[in-house]
Amino acid sequence: MEKKVKNEKIRHQLYTPLTSIRGYIQLLQTTIRKNSREEKWLKELDKESKRLTKMIMEVFRS
């Protein structure tokens, strides 16, 4: 039981800031011009943040 609680805390510590980062990315995406350099950077950040979120969920699913 103690290991499960530890894993939950670790997952929360990783997942919560990542959720905030993804929220900021989405906010910024609504304020920039289409086809700009910044849009390309934000698309890459969005893709990688989704990948990290998926990885965290997979690691702590087991």
N, C-alpha and C. Protein backbone atom coordinates (compact mmCIF):
# COMPACT_ATOMS: atom_id res chain seq x y z
N MET A 1 0.82 -1.20 0.00
CA MET A 1 0.00 0.00 0.00
C MET A 1 0.87 1.27 0.00
N GLU A 2 1.94 1.24 0.77
CA GLU A 2 2.82 2.40 0.87
C GLU A 2 3.47 2.71 -0.48
N LYS A 3 3.84 1.69 -1.23
CA LYS A 3 4.44 1.89 -2.55
C LYS A 3 3.43 2.54 -3.50
N LYS A 4 2.18 2.14 -3.41
CA LYS A 4 1.14 2.71 -4.26
C LYS A 4 0.97 4.20 -3.98
N VAL A 5 0.99 4.57 -2.71
CA VAL A 5 0.85 5.98 -2.33
C VAL A 5 2.04 6.78 -2.84
N LYS A 6 3.25 6.22 -2.72
CA LYS A 6 4.44 6.89 -3.22
C LYS A 6 4.35 7.11 -4.73
N ASN A 7 3.92 6.08 -5.44
CA ASN A 7 3.78 6.19 -6.89
C ASN A 7 2.76 7.24 -7.27
N GLU A 8 1.67 7.31 -6.52
CA GLU A 8 0.64 8.33 -6.79
C GLU A 8 1.22 9.73 -6.60
N LYS A 9 2.01 9.92 -5.55
CA LYS A 9 2.61 11.22 -5.29
C LYS A 9 3.61 11.60 -6.38
N ILE A 10 4.42 10.65 -6.80
CA ILE A 10 5.40 10.91 -7.86
C ILE A 10 4.68 11.24 -9.16
N ARG A 11 3.65 10.48 -9.50
CA ARG A 11 2.89 10.74 -10.72
C ARG A 11 2.30 12.15 -10.66
N HIS A 12 1.75 12.50 -9.53
CA HIS A 12 1.16 13.83 -9.37
C HIS A 12 2.22 14.93 -9.54
N GLN A 13 3.39 14.72 -8.95
CA GLN A 13 4.47 15.71 -9.04
C GLN A 13 4.96 15.89 -10.47
N LEU A 14 4.88 14.87 -11.28
CA LEU A 14 5.28 14.97 -12.69
C LEU A 14 4.14 15.49 -13.56
N TYR A 15 2.97 15.00 -13.33
CA TYR A 15 1.83 15.27 -14.20
C TYR A 15 1.29 16.69 -14.03
N THR A 16 1.23 17.18 -12.82
CA THR A 16 0.62 18.49 -12.56
C THR A 16 1.36 19.63 -13.26
N PRO A 17 2.68 19.75 -13.13
CA PRO A 17 3.36 20.84 -13.85
C PRO A 17 3.25 20.68 -15.37
N LEU A 18 3.25 19.46 -15.84
CA LEU A 18 3.13 19.22 -17.27
C LEU A 18 1.76 19.66 -17.79
N THR A 19 0.75 19.47 -16.99
CA THR A 19 -0.59 19.93 -17.37
C THR A 19 -0.61 21.46 -17.47
N SER A 20 0.06 22.13 -16.56
CA SER A 20 0.15 23.60 -16.61
C SER A 20 0.90 24.05 -17.86
N ILE A 21 1.98 23.39 -18.16
CA ILE A 21 2.76 23.72 -19.36
C ILE A 21 1.90 23.56 -20.60
N ARG A 22 1.16 22.46 -20.68
CA ARG A 22 0.29 22.24 -21.83
C ARG A 22 -0.78 23.33 -21.93
N GLY A 23 -1.29 23.78 -20.80
CA GLY A 23 -2.27 24.86 -20.81
C GLY A 23 -1.69 26.16 -21.35
N TYR A 24 -0.46 26.48 -20.94
CA TYR A 24 0.20 27.69 -21.44
C TYR A 24 0.47 27.58 -22.95
N ILE A 25 0.86 26.41 -23.39
CA ILE A 25 1.09 26.20 -24.83
C ILE A 25 -0.20 26.47 -25.60
N GLN A 26 -1.29 25.93 -25.12
CA GLN A 26 -2.58 26.13 -25.80
C GLN A 26 -2.97 27.61 -25.81
N LEU A 27 -2.74 28.29 -24.71
CA LEU A 27 -3.04 29.72 -24.64
C LEU A 27 -2.20 30.50 -25.65
N LEU A 28 -0.91 30.21 -25.69
CA LEU A 28 -0.03 30.90 -26.62
C LEU A 28 -0.40 30.62 -28.07
N GLN A 29 -0.86 29.40 -28.34
CA GLN A 29 -1.24 29.05 -29.71
C GLN A 29 -2.41 29.90 -30.21
N THR A 30 -3.23 30.40 -29.31
CA THR A 30 -4.36 31.22 -29.74
C THR A 30 -3.97 32.67 -30.00
N THR A 31 -2.75 33.05 -29.61
CA THR A 31 -2.36 34.45 -29.72
C THR A 31 -1.29 34.73 -30.78
N ILE A 32 -0.81 33.69 -31.46
CA ILE A 32 0.27 33.92 -32.43
C ILE A 32 -0.25 33.81 -33.86
N ARG A 33 0.52 34.35 -34.77
CA ARG A 33 0.16 34.33 -36.19
C ARG A 33 0.34 32.92 -36.76
N LYS A 34 -0.50 32.60 -37.71
CA LYS A 34 -0.38 31.33 -38.42
C LYS A 34 0.89 31.33 -39.27
N ASN A 35 1.49 30.16 -39.39
CA ASN A 35 2.70 29.96 -40.20
C ASN A 35 3.90 30.77 -39.74
N SER A 36 3.91 31.18 -38.49
CA SER A 36 5.07 31.91 -37.96
C SER A 36 6.06 30.90 -37.36
N ARG A 37 7.23 31.40 -37.11
CA ARG A 37 8.27 30.56 -36.48
C ARG A 37 7.80 30.12 -35.09
N GLU A 38 7.14 31.03 -34.39
CA GLU A 38 6.65 30.72 -33.05
C GLU A 38 5.61 29.60 -33.08
N GLU A 39 4.75 29.61 -34.10
CA GLU A 39 3.74 28.56 -34.23
C GLU A 39 4.41 27.19 -34.38
N LYS A 40 5.47 27.15 -35.16
CA LYS A 40 6.20 25.88 -35.34
C LYS A 40 6.81 25.40 -34.03
N TRP A 41 7.37 26.35 -33.27
CA TRP A 41 7.95 25.98 -31.98
C TRP A 41 6.88 25.45 -31.03
N LEU A 42 5.75 26.14 -31.00
CA LEU A 42 4.67 25.73 -30.10
C LEU A 42 4.10 24.37 -30.50
N LYS A 43 4.02 24.10 -31.80
CA LYS A 43 3.55 22.78 -32.24
C LYS A 43 4.50 21.69 -31.76
N GLU A 44 5.79 21.97 -31.83
CA GLU A 44 6.78 20.99 -31.35
C GLU A 44 6.68 20.82 -29.83
N LEU A 45 6.54 21.92 -29.11
CA LEU A 45 6.37 21.84 -27.66
C LEU A 45 5.11 21.07 -27.30
N ASP A 46 4.03 21.32 -28.02
CA ASP A 46 2.77 20.63 -27.77
C ASP A 46 2.93 19.12 -28.02
N LYS A 47 3.56 18.78 -29.12
CA LYS A 47 3.78 17.36 -29.45
C LYS A 47 4.60 16.66 -28.36
N GLU A 48 5.67 17.30 -27.92
CA GLU A 48 6.53 16.69 -26.91
C GLU A 48 5.87 16.64 -25.54
N SER A 49 5.07 17.64 -25.20
CA SER A 49 4.39 17.60 -23.91
C SER A 49 3.34 16.50 -23.89
N LYS A 50 2.68 16.27 -25.02
CA LYS A 50 1.72 15.17 -25.10
C LYS A 50 2.44 13.83 -24.99
N ARG A 51 3.61 13.73 -25.61
CA ARG A 51 4.39 12.49 -25.52
C ARG A 51 4.81 12.21 -24.08
N LEU A 52 5.26 13.25 -23.37
CA LEU A 52 5.65 13.08 -21.96
C LEU A 52 4.46 12.71 -21.08
N THR A 53 3.32 13.33 -21.35
CA THR A 53 2.11 12.99 -20.59
C THR A 53 1.75 11.53 -20.79
N LYS A 54 1.80 11.08 -22.02
CA LYS A 54 1.49 9.68 -22.33
C LYS A 54 2.49 8.75 -21.63
N MET A 55 3.75 9.13 -21.65
CA MET A 55 4.79 8.30 -21.03
C MET A 55 4.55 8.20 -19.52
N ILE A 56 4.23 9.31 -18.88
CA ILE A 56 3.96 9.30 -17.44
C ILE A 56 2.78 8.39 -17.13
N MET A 57 1.73 8.52 -17.92
CA MET A 57 0.54 7.69 -17.68
C MET A 57 0.85 6.20 -17.88
N GLU A 58 1.67 5.87 -18.87
CA GLU A 58 2.03 4.47 -19.11
C GLU A 58 2.90 3.92 -17.99
N VAL A 59 3.85 4.70 -17.53
CA VAL A 59 4.75 4.23 -16.46
C VAL A 59 3.98 3.96 -15.17
N PHE A 60 3.03 4.83 -14.85
CA PHE A 60 2.33 4.69 -13.57
C PHE A 60 1.03 3.92 -13.68
N ARG A 61 0.73 3.43 -14.86
CA ARG A 61 -0.48 2.60 -15.03
C ARG A 61 -0.28 1.22 -14.41
N SER A 62 0.94 0.72 -14.49
CA SER A 62 1.21 -0.63 -13.99
C SER A 62 1.34 -0.70 -12.49
